[in-house]
């Protein structure tokens, strides 16, 4: 990080911090935390994203913590260096810029091209990118403001599904470091308020589509433009006693979005997504949580057949 800071101080143009498209809490919190950390070192930056930000994130999280994010077109200047958080420049889940990419900070260890080189890469096998950013404050002995601590705590808490998914000691250290500075009321409202009444119609359709293959559920819906809602719904179906893993399939005008969750160590979510998108799309993530995208329409029966084959192979093993 110190070498990156020295290089940025010599740069004439302010930094762009880019999140993945349709950023979730962890992506936004990581970008904001990095922005403030770099500001303490005299480096100015703007946060940009493509896609949309969910209503519940805008109304509670962003407004309460006064976090400024800009659509990529609003701050686009091809001379500005760019740094990606919670993803990498060519992962398939963000819109690549024409700007020079200086690197990325992420906790997804399996979905980046290691043959590409950047001045700075910080990828750790931990529960959230917010934990990585928290470590910069810890190591620099910088006390985070209430807004930064709250944002990073929310990002960490939600991406680890209330500190139970993909958690490692580094995540717990980060949470312990942040907690004394957190506004618990804002955190509570951010974590709890994730849905609108309009979202319930998607839940009805999703429940009607539910098919279970030996504790692996496949749920099909159409037209969900908020990708974060897919993950929220996937967590909901994972709470069923009869379900240990699931795949959400969302068909939109632009293509087919996938969101996979798994509590079963023998069913790797990232592997499942990669098998489905192989040769026709992109995807990746963790063993317990992954996502993918296939341009155009996909026959849902084909996806069901792939899942059935994976489950049968798993049973046979």
Protein backbone atom coordinates (compact mmCIF):
# COMPACT_ATOMS: atom_id res chain seq x y z
CA UNK A 1 0.00 0.00 0.00
CA UNK A 2 2.82 2.43 0.79
CA UNK A 3 4.27 2.08 -2.72
CA UNK A 4 0.82 2.76 -4.20
CA UNK A 5 0.40 5.85 -2.03
CA UNK A 6 3.79 7.19 -3.13
CA UNK A 7 2.86 6.66 -6.78
CA UNK A 8 -0.56 8.31 -6.37
CA UNK A 9 1.03 11.36 -4.75
CA UNK A 10 3.07 11.86 -7.91
CA UNK A 11 0.02 11.44 -10.16
CA UNK A 12 -1.49 14.65 -11.58
CA UNK A 13 -5.02 13.28 -11.85
CA UNK A 14 -7.21 12.24 -8.89
CA UNK A 15 -7.92 8.55 -8.40
CA UNK A 16 -11.13 6.79 -9.43
CA UNK A 17 -12.26 4.03 -7.08
CA UNK A 18 -14.55 1.69 -9.00
CA UNK A 19 -16.91 -0.88 -7.51
CA UNK A 20 -18.46 -3.79 -9.36
CA UNK A 21 -21.71 -3.02 -11.17
CA UNK A 22 -24.82 -2.90 -8.95
CA UNK A 23 -22.65 -2.49 -5.83
CA UNK A 24 -23.68 -4.14 -2.56
CA UNK A 25 -22.85 -3.03 0.98
CA UNK A 26 -19.36 -4.56 0.97
CA UNK A 27 -18.40 -2.92 -2.32
CA UNK A 28 -19.71 0.51 -1.28
CA UNK A 29 -18.24 0.33 2.22
CA UNK A 30 -14.86 -0.79 0.88
CA UNK A 31 -14.75 2.02 -1.66
CA UNK A 32 -15.75 4.61 0.94
CA UNK A 33 -13.32 3.30 3.54
CA UNK A 34 -10.48 3.33 1.01
CA UNK A 35 -11.41 6.84 -0.08
CA UNK A 36 -11.21 8.17 3.49
CA UNK A 37 -8.04 6.21 4.28
CA UNK A 38 -6.31 7.67 1.21
CA UNK A 39 -7.58 11.14 2.13
CA UNK A 40 -5.69 10.89 5.43
CA UNK A 41 -2.59 10.45 3.27
CA UNK A 42 -3.35 13.48 1.13
CA UNK A 43 -4.86 11.63 -1.84
CA UNK A 44 -8.19 12.72 -3.35
CA UNK A 45 -10.54 10.31 -5.11
CA UNK A 46 -14.07 9.74 -6.38
CA UNK A 47 -16.11 6.54 -6.17
CA UNK A 48 -17.84 5.37 -9.33
CA UNK A 49 -20.08 2.49 -10.34
CA UNK A 50 -22.25 1.22 -13.19
CA UNK A 51 -25.75 -0.18 -12.83
CA UNK A 52 -28.13 0.78 -10.03
CA UNK A 53 -28.00 1.01 -6.27
CA UNK A 54 -30.95 -0.58 -4.42
CA UNK A 55 -33.50 1.72 -2.82
CA UNK A 56 -32.84 0.41 0.70
CA UNK A 57 -29.12 1.15 0.31
CA UNK A 58 -29.73 4.67 -0.99
CA UNK A 59 -32.36 5.69 1.56
CA UNK A 60 -30.72 4.37 4.74
CA UNK A 61 -27.07 3.59 4.21
CA UNK A 62 -25.85 6.28 1.81
CA UNK A 63 -27.93 9.15 3.19
CA UNK A 64 -27.20 8.40 6.85
CA UNK A 65 -23.45 8.07 6.32
CA UNK A 66 -23.22 10.80 3.63
CA UNK A 67 -21.40 8.57 1.16
CA UNK A 68 -21.04 10.04 -2.34
CA UNK A 69 -21.03 7.64 -5.29
CA UNK A 70 -21.17 8.67 -8.93
CA UNK A 71 -22.28 6.84 -12.09
CA UNK A 72 -19.18 6.16 -14.17
CA UNK A 73 -20.18 8.66 -16.85
CA UNK A 74 -20.41 11.49 -14.32
CA UNK A 75 -16.71 11.35 -13.35
CA UNK A 76 -15.22 9.74 -16.43
CA UNK A 77 -11.83 11.11 -17.44
CA UNK A 78 -9.63 8.62 -19.25
CA UNK A 79 -6.49 10.15 -17.76
CA UNK A 80 -7.48 9.33 -14.18
CA UNK A 81 -5.92 6.20 -12.67
CA UNK A 82 -8.48 3.65 -11.47
CA UNK A 83 -8.49 1.16 -8.63
CA UNK A 84 -11.18 -1.52 -8.27
CA UNK A 85 -12.59 -2.74 -4.95
CA UNK A 86 -14.50 -5.97 -4.23
CA UNK A 87 -13.79 -7.23 -7.73
CA UNK A 88 -11.11 -6.86 -10.40
CA UNK A 89 -10.96 -4.91 -13.67
CA UNK A 90 -11.93 -7.78 -15.96
CA UNK A 91 -14.00 -10.10 -13.78
CA UNK A 92 -17.14 -9.82 -15.88
CA UNK A 93 -19.22 -8.22 -13.13
CA UNK A 94 -18.14 -4.64 -13.74
CA UNK A 95 -18.05 -2.37 -16.75
CA UNK A 96 -14.37 -1.90 -17.74
CA UNK A 97 -13.22 1.70 -18.09
CA UNK A 98 -10.78 3.07 -20.65
CA UNK A 99 -8.74 4.44 -17.76
CA UNK A 100 -5.42 2.90 -16.73
CA UNK A 101 -6.07 0.34 -13.99
CA UNK A 102 -3.52 0.51 -11.19
CA UNK A 103 -4.84 -2.55 -9.42
CA UNK A 104 -7.57 -3.92 -7.20
CA UNK A 105 -8.48 -4.92 -3.65
CA UNK A 106 -10.67 -7.98 -3.26
CA UNK A 107 -11.60 -11.07 -1.25
CA UNK A 108 -12.61 -13.21 -4.24
CA UNK A 109 -9.51 -15.33 -4.79
CA UNK A 110 -10.66 -17.48 -7.70
CA UNK A 111 -12.11 -15.12 -10.30
CA UNK A 112 -9.25 -12.99 -11.54
CA UNK A 113 -6.71 -13.53 -14.30
CA UNK A 114 -3.33 -13.97 -12.58
CA UNK A 115 -1.56 -13.41 -15.91
CA UNK A 116 -2.53 -9.72 -15.85
CA UNK A 117 -0.13 -7.51 -13.94
CA UNK A 118 -0.91 -4.33 -11.99
CA UNK A 119 1.14 -2.00 -9.79
CA UNK A 120 -0.98 -2.98 -6.78
CA UNK A 121 -2.99 -6.08 -5.87
CA UNK A 122 -4.33 -7.01 -2.45
CA UNK A 123 -6.41 -10.21 -2.60
CA UNK A 124 -7.07 -12.12 0.61
CA UNK A 125 -9.05 -15.26 1.32
CA UNK A 126 -11.32 -13.73 3.94
CA UNK A 127 -14.99 -12.94 4.43
CA UNK A 128 -15.21 -9.41 3.06
CA UNK A 129 -13.28 -6.67 1.30
CA UNK A 130 -14.37 -4.38 4.14
CA UNK A 131 -12.06 -6.40 6.40
CA UNK A 132 -9.14 -5.69 4.07
CA UNK A 133 -9.82 -1.95 4.18
CA UNK A 134 -10.21 -2.08 7.97
CA UNK A 135 -6.73 -3.54 8.22
CA UNK A 136 -5.29 -0.43 6.55
CA UNK A 137 -6.69 1.71 9.38
CA UNK A 138 -5.44 -0.79 11.97
CA UNK A 139 -1.95 -0.99 10.54
CA UNK A 140 -1.78 2.78 10.13
CA UNK A 141 -3.05 3.27 13.69
CA UNK A 142 -5.79 5.52 12.35
CA UNK A 143 -9.02 5.62 14.33
CA UNK A 144 -11.91 5.38 11.84
CA UNK A 145 -14.67 7.98 12.00
CA UNK A 146 -18.14 6.84 13.00
CA UNK A 147 -19.30 6.88 9.38
CA UNK A 148 -16.31 4.86 8.13
CA UNK A 149 -16.50 2.33 10.97
CA UNK A 150 -20.26 1.90 10.51
CA UNK A 151 -19.96 1.48 6.75
CA UNK A 152 -17.17 -1.10 7.01
CA UNK A 153 -18.96 -2.98 9.80
CA UNK A 154 -22.14 -3.19 7.70
CA UNK A 155 -20.14 -4.37 4.68
CA UNK A 156 -18.36 -7.02 6.75
CA UNK A 157 -21.52 -8.13 8.57
CA UNK A 158 -23.68 -8.51 5.46
CA UNK A 159 -21.09 -10.18 3.23
CA UNK A 160 -20.41 -12.80 5.91
CA UNK A 161 -24.14 -13.34 6.54
CA UNK A 162 -24.02 -12.07 10.13
CA UNK A 163 -20.45 -13.29 10.73
CA UNK A 164 -21.16 -16.96 9.96
CA UNK A 165 -20.21 -17.34 6.27
CA UNK A 166 -16.62 -17.46 5.06
CA UNK A 167 -15.36 -15.85 8.27
CA UNK A 168 -11.72 -16.05 9.30
CA UNK A 169 -9.84 -14.57 12.29
CA UNK A 170 -8.94 -11.48 10.25
CA UNK A 171 -12.64 -10.67 9.82
CA UNK A 172 -13.27 -10.99 13.55
CA UNK A 173 -10.27 -8.78 14.30
CA UNK A 174 -11.64 -6.18 11.90
CA UNK A 175 -15.08 -6.26 13.50
CA UNK A 176 -13.61 -5.93 17.01
CA UNK A 177 -11.53 -2.97 15.80
CA UNK A 178 -14.53 -1.24 14.20
CA UNK A 179 -17.21 -1.96 16.81
CA UNK A 180 -16.28 0.75 19.39
CA UNK A 181 -16.75 3.41 16.67
CA UNK A 182 -19.96 2.06 15.10
CA UNK A 183 -23.33 3.82 15.10
CA UNK A 184 -25.38 0.76 16.02
CA UNK A 185 -28.69 2.36 15.08
CA UNK A 186 -27.58 3.02 11.49
CA UNK A 187 -26.03 -0.43 11.31
CA UNK A 188 -29.22 -2.07 12.57
CA UNK A 189 -31.41 -0.22 10.08
CA UNK A 190 -29.01 -0.95 7.21
CA UNK A 191 -28.82 -4.66 7.94
CA UNK A 192 -32.54 -5.19 8.60
CA UNK A 193 -34.17 -3.01 5.92
CA UNK A 194 -33.40 -4.75 2.65
CA UNK A 195 -36.77 -5.18 0.94
CA UNK A 196 -39.68 -3.15 -0.36
CA UNK A 197 -43.29 -4.23 -0.71
CA UNK A 198 -42.74 -4.42 -4.46
CA UNK A 199 -40.08 -7.10 -3.94
CA UNK A 200 -42.62 -9.50 -2.41
CA UNK A 201 -44.10 -10.26 -5.82
CA UNK A 202 -40.74 -11.71 -6.86
CA UNK A 203 -40.78 -13.89 -3.75
CA UNK A 204 -44.19 -15.26 -4.70
CA UNK A 205 -43.01 -16.19 -8.18
CA UNK A 206 -39.76 -17.60 -6.85
CA UNK A 207 -41.59 -19.86 -4.38
CA UNK A 208 -43.84 -21.15 -7.17
CA UNK A 209 -40.78 -22.03 -9.28
CA UNK A 210 -38.92 -23.88 -6.52
CA UNK A 211 -37.52 -27.30 -7.41
CA UNK A 212 -35.32 -29.33 -5.06
CA UNK A 213 -32.79 -31.95 -6.10
CA UNK A 214 -31.60 -33.77 -2.98
CA UNK A 215 -31.32 -30.58 -0.85
CA UNK A 216 -30.14 -28.47 -3.82
CA UNK A 217 -32.81 -25.93 -4.74
CA UNK A 218 -33.21 -24.23 -8.11
CA UNK A 219 -35.32 -21.05 -8.19
CA UNK A 220 -36.30 -19.28 -11.40
CA UNK A 221 -37.51 -15.68 -11.71
CA UNK A 222 -37.76 -13.09 -14.47
CA UNK A 223 -36.99 -9.40 -14.71
CA UNK A 224 -35.22 -8.66 -11.42
CA UNK A 225 -33.02 -5.65 -12.24
CA UNK A 226 -31.56 -5.37 -8.75
CA UNK A 227 -28.83 -8.01 -8.62
CA UNK A 228 -28.48 -7.62 -4.87
CA UNK A 229 -32.06 -8.83 -4.49
CA UNK A 230 -31.00 -12.15 -6.01
CA UNK A 231 -28.51 -12.69 -3.21
CA UNK A 232 -31.03 -11.71 -0.54
CA UNK A 233 -33.56 -14.16 -1.96
CA UNK A 234 -30.89 -16.88 -2.21
CA UNK A 235 -30.16 -16.45 1.51
CA UNK A 236 -33.88 -16.70 2.23
CA UNK A 237 -34.22 -20.06 0.47
CA UNK A 238 -31.06 -21.29 2.19
CA UNK A 239 -32.87 -20.89 5.51
CA UNK A 240 -35.22 -23.77 4.60
CA UNK A 241 -34.42 -26.90 6.60
CA UNK A 242 -34.68 -29.07 3.48
CA UNK A 243 -32.20 -26.91 1.50
CA UNK A 244 -28.43 -26.91 1.96
CA UNK A 245 -27.57 -25.15 -1.31
CA UNK A 246 -29.41 -23.27 -4.02
CA UNK A 247 -29.17 -21.59 -7.39
CA UNK A 248 -31.15 -18.46 -8.30
CA UNK A 249 -31.72 -18.03 -12.04
CA UNK A 250 -32.89 -14.58 -13.14
CA UNK A 251 -33.72 -13.95 -16.79
CA UNK A 252 -33.64 -10.32 -17.97
CA UNK A 253 -33.54 -8.59 -21.35
CA UNK A 254 -29.74 -8.50 -21.25
CA UNK A 255 -29.26 -12.13 -20.30
CA UNK A 256 -29.33 -14.69 -17.50
CA UNK A 257 -28.01 -13.85 -14.03
CA UNK A 258 -27.03 -16.58 -11.58
CA UNK A 259 -26.62 -16.44 -7.81
CA UNK A 260 -25.53 -19.55 -5.93
CA UNK A 261 -25.30 -20.31 -2.20
CA UNK A 262 -24.04 -23.46 -0.48
CA UNK A 263 -23.80 -24.72 3.08
CA UNK A 264 -22.68 -28.14 1.79
CA UNK A 265 -18.87 -28.46 1.57
CA UNK A 266 -19.27 -31.07 -1.18
CA UNK A 267 -21.21 -28.62 -3.40
CA UNK A 268 -18.88 -25.77 -4.32
CA UNK A 269 -20.89 -22.70 -5.37
CA UNK A 270 -18.13 -21.25 -7.57
CA UNK A 271 -17.67 -24.59 -9.35
CA UNK A 272 -21.41 -24.90 -9.97
CA UNK A 273 -21.61 -21.44 -11.52
CA UNK A 274 -18.52 -22.01 -13.66
CA UNK A 275 -19.95 -25.27 -15.00
CA UNK A 276 -23.16 -23.51 -16.03
CA UNK A 277 -21.49 -20.48 -17.67
CA UNK A 278 -18.60 -22.43 -19.25
CA UNK A 279 -17.94 -21.30 -22.81
CA UNK A 280 -20.80 -18.81 -22.91
CA UNK A 281 -20.55 -16.43 -19.97
CA UNK A 282 -18.57 -15.42 -16.89
CA UNK A 283 -18.79 -16.19 -13.21
CA UNK A 284 -16.97 -17.06 -10.02
CA UNK A 285 -16.81 -16.43 -6.30
CA UNK A 286 -16.35 -18.59 -3.24
CA UNK A 287 -17.14 -22.20 -2.32
CA UNK A 288 -20.12 -20.90 -0.31
CA UNK A 289 -21.29 -17.98 -2.50
CA UNK A 290 -20.90 -17.23 -6.21
CA UNK A 291 -22.49 -15.43 -9.12
CA UNK A 292 -22.45 -15.49 -12.90
CA UNK A 293 -23.89 -14.07 -16.09
CA UNK A 294 -24.72 -15.51 -19.51
CA UNK A 295 -25.56 -13.06 -22.35
CA UNK A 296 -28.85 -13.83 -24.05
CA UNK A 297 -31.48 -16.35 -23.06
CA UNK A 298 -30.77 -19.80 -21.64
CA UNK A 299 -33.07 -22.81 -21.63
CA UNK A 300 -33.98 -23.28 -17.96
CA UNK A 301 -34.39 -27.02 -18.56
CA UNK A 302 -30.73 -27.14 -19.50
CA UNK A 303 -29.75 -25.53 -16.21
CA UNK A 304 -31.94 -27.97 -14.30
CA UNK A 305 -30.25 -30.84 -16.14
CA UNK A 306 -26.78 -29.54 -15.19
CA UNK A 307 -27.80 -29.21 -11.54
CA UNK A 308 -29.33 -32.68 -11.52
CA UNK A 309 -26.13 -34.11 -12.98
CA UNK A 310 -23.96 -32.30 -10.38
CA UNK A 311 -26.15 -33.54 -7.53
CA UNK A 312 -26.16 -37.12 -8.84
CA UNK A 313 -22.38 -37.07 -9.22
CA UNK A 314 -22.10 -35.76 -5.68
CA UNK A 315 -24.36 -38.53 -4.36
CA UNK A 316 -22.35 -41.14 -6.23
CA UNK A 317 -19.10 -39.83 -4.77
